[in-house]
C-alpha atoms as a PDB file:
ATOM      1  CA  MET A   1      74.676 116.550 106.858  1.00  0.00           C
ATOM      2  CA  ALA A   2      77.147 117.724 104.226  1.00  0.00           C
ATOM      3  CA  ARG A   3      77.515 117.469 100.735  1.00  0.00           C
ATOM      4  CA  VAL A   4      81.039 115.444  99.576  1.00  0.00           C
ATOM      5  CA  PHE A   5      82.337 115.036  96.848  1.00  0.00           C
ATOM      6  CA  VAL A   6      85.325 112.707  96.439  1.00  0.00           C
ATOM      7  CA  THR A   7      87.826 111.534  93.754  1.00  0.00           C
ATOM      8  CA  GLY A   8      88.896 107.909  93.426  1.00  0.00           C
ATOM      9  CA  GLY A   9      85.807 107.000  95.621  1.00  0.00           C
ATOM     10  CA  THR A  10      86.075 103.618  94.078  1.00  0.00           C
ATOM     11  CA  GLY A  11      89.629 102.683  94.912  1.00  0.00           C
ATOM     12  CA  PHE A  12      90.950 100.959  97.722  1.00  0.00           C
ATOM     13  CA  ILE A  13      91.284 103.450 100.455  1.00  0.00           C
ATOM     14  CA  GLY A  14      88.306 105.546  98.725  1.00  0.00           C
ATOM     15  CA  GLN A  15      85.567 102.876  99.368  1.00  0.00           C
ATOM     16  CA  ARG A  16      86.701 102.494 102.813  1.00  0.00           C
ATOM     17  CA  VAL A  17      86.345 106.730 102.795  1.00  0.00           C
ATOM     18  CA  VAL A  18      82.620 106.511 101.271  1.00  0.00           C
ATOM     19  CA  GLU A  19      81.617 104.238 103.303  1.00  0.00           C
ATOM     20  CA  ARG A  20      82.379 106.155 106.541  1.00  0.00           C
ATOM     21  CA  LEU A  21      80.732 109.412 105.373  1.00  0.00           C
ATOM     22  CA  LEU A  22      77.962 107.903 104.566  1.00  0.00           C
ATOM     23  CA  ARG A  23      77.317 105.789 107.600  1.00  0.00           C
ATOM     24  CA  ASP A  24      77.706 108.943 109.506  1.00  0.00           C
ATOM     25  CA  GLY A  25      74.771 110.461 107.113  1.00  0.00           C
ATOM     26  CA  HIS A  26      76.492 112.378 104.827  1.00  0.00           C
ATOM     27  CA  ASP A  27      75.634 112.969 100.915  1.00  0.00           C
ATOM     28  CA  VAL A  28      78.271 111.740  98.578  1.00  0.00           C
ATOM     29  CA  VAL A  29      79.062 112.202  94.985  1.00  0.00           C
ATOM     30  CA  CYS A  30      81.589 109.924  94.258  1.00  0.00           C
ATOM     31  CA  SER A  31      83.694 110.323  90.744  1.00  0.00           C
ATOM     32  CA  MET A  32      84.395 107.672  88.499  1.00  0.00           C
ATOM     33  CA  ARG A  33      86.379 107.262  85.480  1.00  0.00           C
ATOM     34  CA  PRO A  34      84.075 105.827  82.310  1.00  0.00           C
ATOM     35  CA  ARG A  35      85.373 102.444  82.961  1.00  0.00           C
ATOM     36  CA  SER A  36      85.332 102.284  86.636  1.00  0.00           C
ATOM     37  CA  PHE A  37      83.525  99.487  88.588  1.00  0.00           C
ATOM     38  CA  ALA A  38      81.325 100.913  91.185  1.00  0.00           C
ATOM     39  CA  THR A  39      78.526  98.101  91.629  1.00  0.00           C
ATOM     40  CA  ARG A  40      80.702  96.686  94.252  1.00  0.00           C
ATOM     41  CA  LEU A  41      80.420  99.498  96.293  1.00  0.00           C
ATOM     42  CA  GLU A  42      77.175 100.202  95.974  1.00  0.00           C
ATOM     43  CA  GLN A  43      76.350  96.408  97.285  1.00  0.00           C
ATOM     44  CA  LYS A  44      78.961  97.526  99.875  1.00  0.00           C
ATOM     45  CA  VAL A  45      76.926 101.040 101.074  1.00  0.00           C
ATOM     46  CA  ARG A  46      73.299 100.280 100.194  1.00  0.00           C
ATOM     47  CA  ASP A  47      71.592  99.904 104.005  1.00  0.00           C
ATOM     48  CA  LEU A  48      73.551 102.877 105.052  1.00  0.00           C
ATOM     49  CA  PRO A  49      71.855 105.944 105.946  1.00  0.00           C
ATOM     50  CA  GLY A  50      73.821 108.623 103.723  1.00  0.00           C
ATOM     51  CA  THR A  51      73.003 108.874  99.803  1.00  0.00           C
ATOM     52  CA  LEU A  52      75.469 108.189  97.100  1.00  0.00           C
ATOM     53  CA  ARG A  53      75.285 108.809  93.448  1.00  0.00           C
ATOM     54  CA  PHE A  54      78.502 108.506  90.757  1.00  0.00           C
ATOM     55  CA  VAL A  55      79.305 111.230  88.297  1.00  0.00           C
ATOM     56  CA  VAL A  56      81.790 110.946  85.307  1.00  0.00           C
ATOM     57  CA  ALA A  57      84.648 112.870  86.203  1.00  0.00           C
ATOM     58  CA  ASP A  58      88.092 112.654  85.743  1.00  0.00           C
ATOM     59  CA  VAL A  59      90.706 114.728  87.348  1.00  0.00           C
ATOM     60  CA  GLY A  60      92.849 115.316  84.477  1.00  0.00           C
ATOM     61  CA  ILE A  61      89.865 116.664  82.431  1.00  0.00           C
ATOM     62  CA  PRO A  62      88.905 119.910  84.146  1.00  0.00           C
ATOM     63  CA  ASP A  63      85.462 120.274  82.745  1.00  0.00           C
ATOM     64  CA  THR A  64      84.015 117.079  83.931  1.00  0.00           C
ATOM     65  CA  LEU A  65      85.053 118.326  87.599  1.00  0.00           C
ATOM     66  CA  ALA A  66      83.349 121.743  87.560  1.00  0.00           C
ATOM     67  CA  ALA A  67      79.751 121.007  88.494  1.00  0.00           C
ATOM     68  CA  PRO A  68      80.536 118.366  91.324  1.00  0.00           C
ATOM     69  CA  ILE A  69      83.339 120.624  92.802  1.00  0.00           C
ATOM     70  CA  HIS A  70      80.462 123.658  92.387  1.00  0.00           C
ATOM     71  CA  ASP A  71      77.621 122.079  94.354  1.00  0.00           C
ATOM     72  CA  THR A  72      79.352 120.852  97.513  1.00  0.00           C
ATOM     73  CA  ASP A  73      80.524 121.610 100.853  1.00  0.00           C
ATOM     74  CA  TYR A  74      83.657 119.558 100.827  1.00  0.00           C
ATOM     75  CA  VAL A  75      86.221 117.737  98.431  1.00  0.00           C
ATOM     76  CA  ILE A  76      88.028 114.765  99.390  1.00  0.00           C
ATOM     77  CA  HIS A  77      90.873 114.079  96.669  1.00  0.00           C
ATOM     78  CA  LEU A  78      91.994 110.647  96.835  1.00  0.00           C
ATOM     79  CA  ALA A  79      92.337 110.120  92.900  1.00  0.00           C
ATOM     80  CA  ALA A  80      96.379 109.085  91.906  1.00  0.00           C
ATOM     81  CA  MET A  81      98.428 107.345  89.764  1.00  0.00           C
ATOM     82  CA  LEU A  82     100.241 104.934  91.567  1.00  0.00           C
ATOM     83  CA  LYS A  83     102.143 101.756  90.106  1.00  0.00           C
ATOM     84  CA  ALA A  84     103.759 103.152  86.861  1.00  0.00           C
ATOM     85  CA  PRO A  85     106.133 105.989  87.523  1.00  0.00           C
ATOM     86  CA  TRP A  86     107.757 105.994  83.836  1.00  0.00           C
ATOM     87  CA  ASP A  87     103.960 106.704  82.322  1.00  0.00           C
ATOM     88  CA  PRO A  88     103.836 110.404  80.857  1.00  0.00           C
ATOM     89  CA  GLN A  89     100.379 110.611  82.577  1.00  0.00           C
ATOM     90  CA  PHE A  90     101.696 109.763  86.022  1.00  0.00           C
ATOM     91  CA  MET A  91     102.984 113.168  87.091  1.00  0.00           C
ATOM     92  CA  PHE A  92     100.154 115.020  84.885  1.00  0.00           C
ATOM     93  CA  VAL A  93      97.615 113.061  86.754  1.00  0.00           C
ATOM     94  CA  ASN A  94      98.942 113.441  90.388  1.00  0.00           C
ATOM     95  CA  ALA A  95     100.363 116.776  89.928  1.00  0.00           C
ATOM     96  CA  ASP A  96      98.288 118.739  87.554  1.00  0.00           C
ATOM     97  CA  GLY A  97      94.887 116.765  88.147  1.00  0.00           C
ATOM     98  CA  THR A  98      95.370 118.322  92.046  1.00  0.00           C
ATOM     99  CA  ARG A  99      95.741 121.294  90.426  1.00  0.00           C
ATOM    100  CA  ASN A 100      92.562 121.167  88.387  1.00  0.00           C
ATOM    101  CA  ILE A 101      90.609 120.761  91.534  1.00  0.00           C
ATOM    102  CA  PHE A 102      91.736 123.507  93.657  1.00  0.00           C
ATOM    103  CA  GLU A 103      91.584 125.798  90.752  1.00  0.00           C
ATOM    104  CA  HIS A 104      87.989 124.876  90.149  1.00  0.00           C
ATOM    105  CA  ALA A 105      87.190 125.055  94.062  1.00  0.00           C
ATOM    106  CA  SER A 106      88.923 128.603  93.738  1.00  0.00           C
ATOM    107  CA  GLU A 107      86.275 130.146  91.608  1.00  0.00           C
ATOM    108  CA  VAL A 108      83.658 128.701  94.033  1.00  0.00           C
ATOM    109  CA  LYS A 109      81.894 132.041  95.474  1.00  0.00           C
ATOM    110  CA  THR A 110      82.201 129.932  98.714  1.00  0.00           C
ATOM    111  CA  PRO A 111      84.737 127.560  98.319  1.00  0.00           C
ATOM    112  CA  PRO A 112      84.395 123.880  99.601  1.00  0.00           C
ATOM    113  CA  THR A 113      87.053 122.606 102.151  1.00  0.00           C
ATOM    114  CA  VAL A 114      89.545 120.647 100.344  1.00  0.00           C
ATOM    115  CA  ILE A 115      90.693 117.636 101.508  1.00  0.00           C
ATOM    116  CA  PHE A 116      93.535 116.119  99.757  1.00  0.00           C
ATOM    117  CA  VAL A 117      95.184 112.516 100.607  1.00  0.00           C
ATOM    118  CA  SER A 118      98.803 112.798  99.605  1.00  0.00           C
ATOM    119  CA  SER A 119     101.338 110.485 100.799  1.00  0.00           C
ATOM    120  CA  VAL A 120     104.436 110.636 103.306  1.00  0.00           C
ATOM    121  CA  ALA A 121     106.493 110.237 100.117  1.00  0.00           C
ATOM    122  CA  ALA A 122     105.681 113.355  99.512  1.00  0.00           C
ATOM    123  CA  SER A 123     107.974 114.486 102.509  1.00  0.00           C
ATOM    124  CA  GLY A 124     110.503 111.922 102.423  1.00  0.00           C
ATOM    125  CA  PRO A 125     111.764 109.487 104.685  1.00  0.00           C
ATOM    126  CA  ALA A 126     112.576 110.130 108.339  1.00  0.00           C
ATOM    127  CA  PRO A 127     115.380 112.793 108.069  1.00  0.00           C
ATOM    128  CA  ILE A 128     117.574 111.455 111.635  1.00  0.00           C
ATOM    129  CA  ALA A 129     117.984 107.382 112.389  1.00  0.00           C
ATOM    130  CA  GLY A 130     115.259 107.084 115.419  1.00  0.00           C
ATOM    131  CA  ALA A 131     113.526 110.076 115.036  1.00  0.00           C
ATOM    132  CA  PRO A 132     110.014 110.121 113.131  1.00  0.00           C
ATOM    133  CA  ARG A 133     109.087 112.712 110.579  1.00  0.00           C
ATOM    134  CA  ARG A 134     107.009 115.380 111.635  1.00  0.00           C
ATOM    135  CA  GLU A 135     104.473 117.627 109.653  1.00  0.00           C
ATOM    136  CA  SER A 136     106.637 120.709 109.802  1.00  0.00           C
ATOM    137  CA  ASP A 137     110.056 119.434 108.508  1.00  0.00           C
ATOM    138  CA  PRO A 138     110.873 120.538 105.158  1.00  0.00           C
ATOM    139  CA  ALA A 139     110.134 118.230 102.501  1.00  0.00           C
ATOM    140  CA  VAL A 140     112.886 115.987 100.638  1.00  0.00           C
ATOM    141  CA  PRO A 141     111.397 113.449  98.241  1.00  0.00           C
ATOM    142  CA  VAL A 142     113.315 110.606  97.326  1.00  0.00           C
ATOM    143  CA  SER A 143     111.122 108.980  94.455  1.00  0.00           C
ATOM    144  CA  ARG A 144     109.158 110.421  91.150  1.00  0.00           C
ATOM    145  CA  TYR A 145     105.715 109.176  92.995  1.00  0.00           C
ATOM    146  CA  GLY A 146     106.896 111.506  96.424  1.00  0.00           C
ATOM    147  CA  GLU A 147     107.881 114.428  93.936  1.00  0.00           C
ATOM    148  CA  SER A 148     104.336 113.830  91.971  1.00  0.00           C
ATOM    149  CA  LYS A 149     102.669 114.073  95.323  1.00  0.00           C
ATOM    150  CA  PHE A 150     104.860 117.077  96.559  1.00  0.00           C
ATOM    151  CA  ARG A 151     104.029 119.210  93.518  1.00  0.00           C
ATOM    152  CA  ALA A 152     100.688 118.132  94.210  1.00  0.00           C
ATOM    153  CA  GLU A 153     100.846 119.433  97.759  1.00  0.00           C
ATOM    154  CA  GLN A 154     102.750 123.290  96.147  1.00  0.00           C
ATOM    155  CA  ALA A 155      99.634 123.563  94.009  1.00  0.00           C
ATOM    156  CA  ALA A 156      97.046 123.248  96.638  1.00  0.00           C
ATOM    157  CA  LEU A 157      98.880 125.631  98.829  1.00  0.00           C
ATOM    158  CA  VAL A 158      98.750 128.246  96.036  1.00  0.00           C
ATOM    159  CA  HIS A 159      95.194 128.366  96.721  1.00  0.00           C
ATOM    160  CA  ALA A 160      95.580 127.905 100.532  1.00  0.00           C
ATOM    161  CA  ALA A 161      94.326 131.540 101.191  1.00  0.00           C
ATOM    162  CA  LYS A 162      91.163 131.116  99.328  1.00  0.00           C
ATOM    163  CA  VAL A 163      90.404 127.418  99.823  1.00  0.00           C
ATOM    164  CA  PRO A 164      90.221 125.807 103.236  1.00  0.00           C
ATOM    165  CA  THR A 165      92.702 123.133 102.696  1.00  0.00           C
ATOM    166  CA  THR A 166      93.964 119.700 104.643  1.00  0.00           C
ATOM    167  CA  ILE A 167      96.495 118.017 103.954  1.00  0.00           C
ATOM    168  CA  ILE A 168      96.738 114.313 104.602  1.00  0.00           C
ATOM    169  CA  ARG A 169      99.841 111.830 104.595  1.00  0.00           C
ATOM    170  CA  PRO A 170      99.343 108.399 104.955  1.00  0.00           C
ATOM    171  CA  PRO A 171     102.621 106.109 105.060  1.00  0.00           C
ATOM    172  CA  ALA A 172     101.977 102.353 104.068  1.00  0.00           C
ATOM    173  CA  VAL A 173      98.147 101.149 104.024  1.00  0.00           C
ATOM    174  CA  PHE A 174      97.259  97.896 104.258  1.00  0.00           C
ATOM    175  CA  GLY A 175      94.427  96.229 105.045  1.00  0.00           C
ATOM    176  CA  PRO A 176      91.529  93.657 103.528  1.00  0.00           C
ATOM    177  CA  GLU A 177      91.237  93.548  99.825  1.00  0.00           C
ATOM    178  CA  ASP A 178      94.647  95.614  99.053  1.00  0.00           C
ATOM    179  CA  LYS A 179      96.456  94.271  96.378  1.00  0.00           C
ATOM    180  CA  THR A 180      99.932  96.842  97.094  1.00  0.00           C
ATOM    181  CA  SER A 181     100.731  95.691 100.008  1.00  0.00           C
ATOM    182  CA  PHE A 182      99.544  91.677  99.548  1.00  0.00           C
ATOM    183  CA  ALA A 183     103.151  91.120  98.547  1.00  0.00           C
ATOM    184  CA  LEU A 184     104.575  91.592 102.147  1.00  0.00           C
ATOM    185  CA  PHE A 185     101.823  88.511 103.352  1.00  0.00           C
ATOM    186  CA  GLU A 186     102.848  86.270 100.562  1.00  0.00           C
ATOM    187  CA  THR A 187     106.320  86.811 101.343  1.00  0.00           C
ATOM    188  CA  ALA A 188     105.641  85.886 105.212  1.00  0.00           C
ATOM    189  CA  ALA A 189     103.439  82.953 103.684  1.00  0.00           C
ATOM    190  CA  LYS A 190     106.528  81.620 101.827  1.00  0.00           C
ATOM    191  CA  GLY A 191     108.376  81.901 105.279  1.00  0.00           C
ATOM    192  CA  LEU A 192     110.205  84.501 104.527  1.00  0.00           C
ATOM    193  CA  ALA A 193     110.557  88.723 105.570  1.00  0.00           C
ATOM    194  CA  LEU A 194     112.566  90.630 102.729  1.00  0.00           C
ATOM    195  CA  VAL A 195     114.399  93.754 104.332  1.00  0.00           C
ATOM    196  CA  PRO A 196     115.678  95.855 101.644  1.00  0.00           C
ATOM    197  CA  THR A 197     118.781  97.045 103.078  1.00  0.00           C
ATOM    198  CA  MET A 198     121.511  95.712 105.277  1.00  0.00           C
ATOM    199  CA  ALA A 199     120.553  98.203 107.735  1.00  0.00           C
ATOM    200  CA  GLU A 200     117.675  97.969 110.136  1.00  0.00           C
ATOM    201  CA  PRO A 201     115.137 100.327 108.729  1.00  0.00           C
ATOM    202  CA  ARG A 202     111.688 101.023 110.722  1.00  0.00           C
ATOM    203  CA  MET A 203     108.445 101.785 109.129  1.00  0.00           C
ATOM    204  CA  SER A 204     104.464 103.402 110.201  1.00  0.00           C
ATOM    205  CA  MET A 205     101.749 101.735 108.970  1.00  0.00           C
ATOM    206  CA  VAL A 206      98.059 102.323 108.824  1.00  0.00           C
ATOM    207  CA  HIS A 207      95.003 100.265 108.658  1.00  0.00           C
ATOM    208  CA  VAL A 208      92.877 101.406 105.536  1.00  0.00           C
ATOM    209  CA  ASP A 209      89.329 101.574 108.383  1.00  0.00           C
ATOM    210  CA  ASP A 210      91.830 103.912 110.604  1.00  0.00           C
ATOM    211  CA  LEU A 211      92.818 106.219 107.999  1.00  0.00           C
ATOM    212  CA  ALA A 212      89.222 106.466 106.337  1.00  0.00           C
ATOM    213  CA  TRP A 213      88.184 107.345 109.848  1.00  0.00           C
ATOM    214  CA  GLY A 214      91.031 110.031 110.163  1.00  0.00           C
ATOM    215  CA  ILE A 215      90.091 111.767 106.940  1.00  0.00           C
ATOM    216  CA  VAL A 216      86.841 111.918 108.007  1.00  0.00           C
ATOM    217  CA  ALA A 217      87.958 113.794 111.272  1.00  0.00           C
ATOM    218  CA  ALA A 218      90.098 115.831 109.414  1.00  0.00           C
ATOM    219  CA  MET A 219      87.021 116.750 107.164  1.00  0.00           C
ATOM    220  CA  GLU A 220      84.727 117.227 109.608  1.00  0.00           C
ATOM    221  CA  ARG A 221      87.089 119.052 112.829  1.00  0.00           C
ATOM    222  CA  GLY A 222      90.394 119.237 111.056  1.00  0.00           C
ATOM    223  CA  GLN A 223      92.914 122.518 111.215  1.00  0.00           C
ATOM    224  CA  ARG A 224      93.262 123.915 107.786  1.00  0.00           C
ATOM    225  CA  VAL A 225      96.823 125.180 106.179  1.00  0.00           C
ATOM    226  CA  ALA A 226      97.441 128.669 106.799  1.00  0.00           C
ATOM    227  CA  ALA A 227      96.941 131.361 104.298  1.00  0.00           C
ATOM    228  CA  ASP A 228     100.855 131.800 104.367  1.00  0.00           C
ATOM    229  CA  PRO A 229     102.022 128.462 104.751  1.00  0.00           C
ATOM    230  CA  THR A 230     105.492 129.435 105.827  1.00  0.00           C
ATOM    231  CA  SER A 231     104.197 131.441 108.820  1.00  0.00           C
ATOM    232  CA  ALA A 232     102.979 128.428 110.515  1.00  0.00           C
ATOM    233  CA  PRO A 233     104.881 124.835 108.669  1.00  0.00           C
ATOM    234  CA  GLY A 234     102.767 122.458 109.120  1.00  0.00           C
ATOM    235  CA  GLN A 235      99.385 123.791 109.915  1.00  0.00           C
ATOM    236  CA  GLY A 236      96.607 121.607 108.827  1.00  0.00           C
ATOM    237  CA  ILE A 237      98.791 118.604 108.144  1.00  0.00           C
ATOM    238  CA  TYR A 238      97.891 115.334 109.083  1.00  0.00           C
ATOM    239  CA  PHE A 239     100.362 112.040 109.246  1.00  0.00           C
ATOM    240  CA  LEU A 240      97.686 109.345 110.309  1.00  0.00           C
ATOM    241  CA  ALA A 241      99.621 106.078 111.087  1.00  0.00           C
ATOM    242  CA  HIS A 242     100.130 103.494 113.974  1.00  0.00           C
ATOM    243  CA  ARG A 243     101.610 104.798 116.653  1.00  0.00           C
ATOM    244  CA  GLU A 244     104.073 102.042 116.428  1.00  0.00           C
ATOM    245  CA  THR A 245     107.402 101.992 114.223  1.00  0.00           C
ATOM    246  CA  PRO A 246     108.289  98.707 113.761  1.00  0.00           C
ATOM    247  CA  ALA A 247     111.572  97.811 112.222  1.00  0.00           C
ATOM    248  CA  MET A 248     110.591  96.232 108.744  1.00  0.00           C
ATOM    249  CA  ALA A 249     111.883  92.862 109.846  1.00  0.00           C
ATOM    250  CA  GLU A 250     109.340  93.073 112.830  1.00  0.00           C
ATOM    251  CA  VAL A 251     106.719  93.179 109.939  1.00  0.00           C
ATOM    252  CA  GLY A 252     107.285  90.413 108.749  1.00  0.00           C
ATOM    253  CA  ARG A 253     107.465  88.337 111.928  1.00  0.00           C
ATOM    254  CA  TRP A 254     103.925  89.970 112.599  1.00  0.00           C
ATOM    255  CA  ILE A 255     102.108  88.705 109.706  1.00  0.00           C
ATOM    256  CA  GLY A 256     103.882  85.371 110.043  1.00  0.00           C
ATOM    257  CA  GLU A 257     102.505  85.438 113.523  1.00  0.00           C
ATOM    258  CA  GLY A 258      99.288  85.849 111.814  1.00  0.00           C
ATOM    259  CA  LEU A 259      99.314  83.063 109.426  1.00  0.00           C
ATOM    260  CA  GLY A 260     100.734  80.900 111.949  1.00  0.00           C
ATOM    261  CA  ARG A 261     104.210  80.083 110.352  1.00  0.00           C
ATOM    262  CA  LYS A 262     107.415  81.357 111.492  1.00  0.00           C
ATOM    263  CA  VAL A 263     109.486  84.023 109.041  1.00  0.00           C
ATOM    264  CA  ARG A 264     112.915  84.316 108.314  1.00  0.00           C
ATOM    265  CA  VAL A 265     114.428  87.593 107.872  1.00  0.00           C
ATOM    266  CA  LEU A 266     116.281  87.865 105.092  1.00  0.00           C
ATOM    267  CA  HIS A 267     118.442  90.894 104.142  1.00  0.00           C
ATOM    268  CA  VAL A 268     118.723  92.342 100.880  1.00  0.00           C
ATOM    269  CA  PRO A 269     121.751  94.491  99.662  1.00  0.00           C
ATOM    270  CA  ARG A 270     120.658  97.938  98.185  1.00  0.00           C
ATOM    271  CA  TRP A 271     122.038  97.620  95.192  1.00  0.00           C
ATOM    272  CA  LEU A 272     120.378  94.190  94.282  1.00  0.00           C
ATOM    273  CA  THR A 273     117.160  95.928  95.470  1.00  0.00           C
ATOM    274  CA  LEU A 274     117.702  98.413  93.049  1.00  0.00           C
ATOM    275  CA  LEU A 275     118.482  96.056  90.388  1.00  0.00           C
ATOM    276  CA  GLY A 276     115.243  94.209  91.161  1.00  0.00           C
ATOM    277  CA  GLY A 277     113.441  96.817  90.781  1.00  0.00           C
ATOM    278  CA  ALA A 278     115.306  98.120  87.565  1.00  0.00           C
ATOM    279  CA  ILE A 279     114.263  94.469  86.124  1.00  0.00           C
ATOM    280  CA  ALA A 280     110.727  94.180  87.192  1.00  0.00           C
ATOM    281  CA  GLU A 281     110.265  97.423  85.810  1.00  0.00           C
ATOM    282  CA  ALA A 282     111.752  96.955  82.479  1.00  0.00           C
ATOM    283  CA  VAL A 283     109.293  93.469  82.201  1.00  0.00           C
ATOM    284  CA  ALA A 284     106.289  95.675  83.009  1.00  0.00           C
ATOM    285  CA  ARG A 285     106.777  98.180  80.369  1.00  0.00           C
ATOM    286  CA  LEU A 286     107.376  95.433  77.871  1.00  0.00           C
ATOM    287  CA  ARG A 287     104.202  94.073  79.269  1.00  0.00           C
ATOM    288  CA  GLY A 288     102.566  97.265  79.020  1.00  0.00           C
ATOM    289  CA  ARG A 289     101.433  96.940  82.588  1.00  0.00           C
ATOM    290  CA  ALA A 290     101.655  98.890  85.690  1.00  0.00           C
ATOM    291  CA  SER A 291     103.742  97.312  88.631  1.00  0.00           C
ATOM    292  CA  ILE A 292     104.164  98.281  92.131  1.00  0.00           C
ATOM    293  CA  LEU A 293     107.380  96.554  91.574  1.00  0.00           C
ATOM    294  CA  ASN A 294     109.558  99.036  89.863  1.00  0.00           C
ATOM    295  CA  PHE A 295     112.372 101.363  90.750  1.00  0.00           C
ATOM    296  CA  ASP A 296     110.963 104.012  91.663  1.00  0.00           C
ATOM    297  CA  LYS A 297     109.448 102.109  94.821  1.00  0.00           C
ATOM    298  CA  ALA A 298     112.884 100.338  95.311  1.00  0.00           C
ATOM    299  CA  ARG A 299     114.595 104.155  95.674  1.00  0.00           C
ATOM    300  CA  GLU A 300     111.909 104.418  98.465  1.00  0.00           C
ATOM    301  CA  ALA A 301     112.453 101.306  99.806  1.00  0.00           C
ATOM    302  CA  THR A 302     116.059 101.812 100.439  1.00  0.00           C
ATOM    303  CA  ALA A 303     116.215 105.766 101.237  1.00  0.00           C
ATOM    304  CA  GLY A 304     115.861 104.778 105.280  1.00  0.00           C
ATOM    305  CA  SER A 305     113.177 104.668 107.822  1.00  0.00           C
ATOM    306  CA  TRP A 306     109.912 106.032 106.863  1.00  0.00           C
ATOM    307  CA  THR A 307     108.327 107.026 110.238  1.00  0.00           C
ATOM    308  CA  CYS A 308     106.139 109.471 111.147  1.00  0.00           C
ATOM    309  CA  ALA A 309     105.158 111.474 114.342  1.00  0.00           C
ATOM    310  CA  ILE A 310     101.349 111.066 114.747  1.00  0.00           C
ATOM    311  CA  ASP A 311     100.662 113.884 117.838  1.00  0.00           C
ATOM    312  CA  GLN A 312      99.231 116.376 115.831  1.00  0.00           C
ATOM    313  CA  ALA A 313      96.679 114.360 114.374  1.00  0.00           C
ATOM    314  CA  GLU A 314      95.915 112.662 118.161  1.00  0.00           C
ATOM    315  CA  HIS A 315      95.725 116.448 119.326  1.00  0.00           C
ATOM    316  CA  ASP A 316      93.370 118.117 116.623  1.00  0.00           C
ATOM    317  CA  LEU A 317      91.283 115.167 115.369  1.00  0.00           C
ATOM    318  CA  GLY A 318      91.549 112.686 118.402  1.00  0.00           C
ATOM    319  CA  PHE A 319      93.162 110.215 115.980  1.00  0.00           C
ATOM    320  CA  ALA A 320      94.280 107.153 117.941  1.00  0.00           C
ATOM    321  CA  PRO A 321      94.102 103.794 116.317  1.00  0.00           C
ATOM    322  CA  PRO A 322      91.902 101.637 118.923  1.00  0.00           C
ATOM    323  CA  THR A 323      93.761  98.355 117.711  1.00  0.00           C
ATOM    324  CA  ALA A 324      97.318  97.599 117.926  1.00  0.00           C
ATOM    325  CA  MET A 325      99.478  97.350 114.443  1.00  0.00           C
ATOM    326  CA  LYS A 326     100.080  93.970 115.441  1.00  0.00           C
ATOM    327  CA  GLU A 327      96.698  92.432 115.692  1.00  0.00           C
ATOM    328  CA  ARG A 328      95.770  94.870 113.061  1.00  0.00           C
ATOM    329  CA  LEU A 329      98.351  93.121 110.431  1.00  0.00           C
ATOM    330  CA  ALA A 330      97.131  89.383 111.804  1.00  0.00           C
ATOM    331  CA  GLU A 331      93.720  90.674 111.064  1.00  0.00           C
ATOM    332  CA  THR A 332      94.596  91.229 107.632  1.00  0.00           C
ATOM    333  CA  ALA A 333      96.764  88.132 107.080  1.00  0.00           C
ATOM    334  CA  ARG A 334      93.630  85.975 108.400  1.00  0.00           C
ATOM    335  CA  TRP A 335      91.403  87.420 105.831  1.00  0.00           C
ATOM    336  CA  TYR A 336      93.559  86.627 102.952  1.00  0.00           C
ATOM    337  CA  GLN A 337      93.692  83.041 103.993  1.00  0.00           C
ATOM    338  CA  ALA A 338      90.004  83.198 104.207  1.00  0.00           C
ATOM    339  CA  GLU A 339      89.487  84.620 100.856  1.00  0.00           C
ATOM    340  CA  GLY A 340      91.574  82.265  99.314  1.00  0.00           C
ATOM    341  CA  TRP A 341      94.457  84.698  98.467  1.00  0.00           C
ATOM    342  CA  LEU A 342      97.050  82.891 100.657  1.00  0.00           C
ATOM    343  CA  PRO A 343      96.887  79.377 101.406  1.00  0.00           C
ATOM    344  CA  LYS A 344      95.730  77.905 104.843  1.00  0.00           C
ATOM    345  CA  ARG A 345      97.874  76.245 107.299  1.00  0.00           C
ATOM    346  CA  SER A 346      97.195  72.781 107.207  1.00  0.00           C
END
């Protein structure tokens, strides 16, 4: 079995990836910033066949990365900032933190394979209405978050000739325990599906368990980025998503069905969505708290359709979520109800 170093392993996606690796019998080293909470993850995986240990490591502090990277077969790099694009550390952690990972990997005599989990935000929205984005399309990020992930990808590509590299670009991720996508479910529980423009944008999404499976599959058998990426654009890059690309309004209706209630669709003018994002960000800054509701996310939400093709992942990885997106959304909605995050219907 392989030795795998996972950054961001105690996060929402990271925990599922670690669980999948351990279930497959791999030996996992999980990075943990000093204040991270690891007990919950340890409890989840204690009966799985692989081994797990933690190291205190921070992608922003290069010296803490040396030992785990020099003693591993694979690195799965998940650690990132998402909710505070105004923070001076935001670009540093996402872009320079990734550069630190690859610089250390390039120093190893036999470099580990690095699986970098980026984001569809790095590539930008679908380039043509009705046509999903493909891995070979030129990247056009429209937000600070997307730009940070794009710069991280560029930092990875600099070392692709020496460090075997695969890049994963997930779209919106959802599933039990997620606080980021919870707003969609909370809104649907109130009988509303908010569409951030007057148009009918479509979106790709992926359930966290399907994403974790795909990440590990990419580690084990995915293609690697070409030594000269310009010679084979899109090689070694994968969108991992459900094949369905419903309209945002339809996503709200599907969640409503899972919650057992009818949902009314409300289109919000683009200017109002942007204003709401700016106000939410101003409040978050005053309180000194990170928030997923901010101007940067409002820019993404109003940029058009966020759809991506998964043909490459299907062909190379055998990636095919076994459960339809509609049912996965319903499962997640029922989990939120069962755990008291959302009220149960009387």
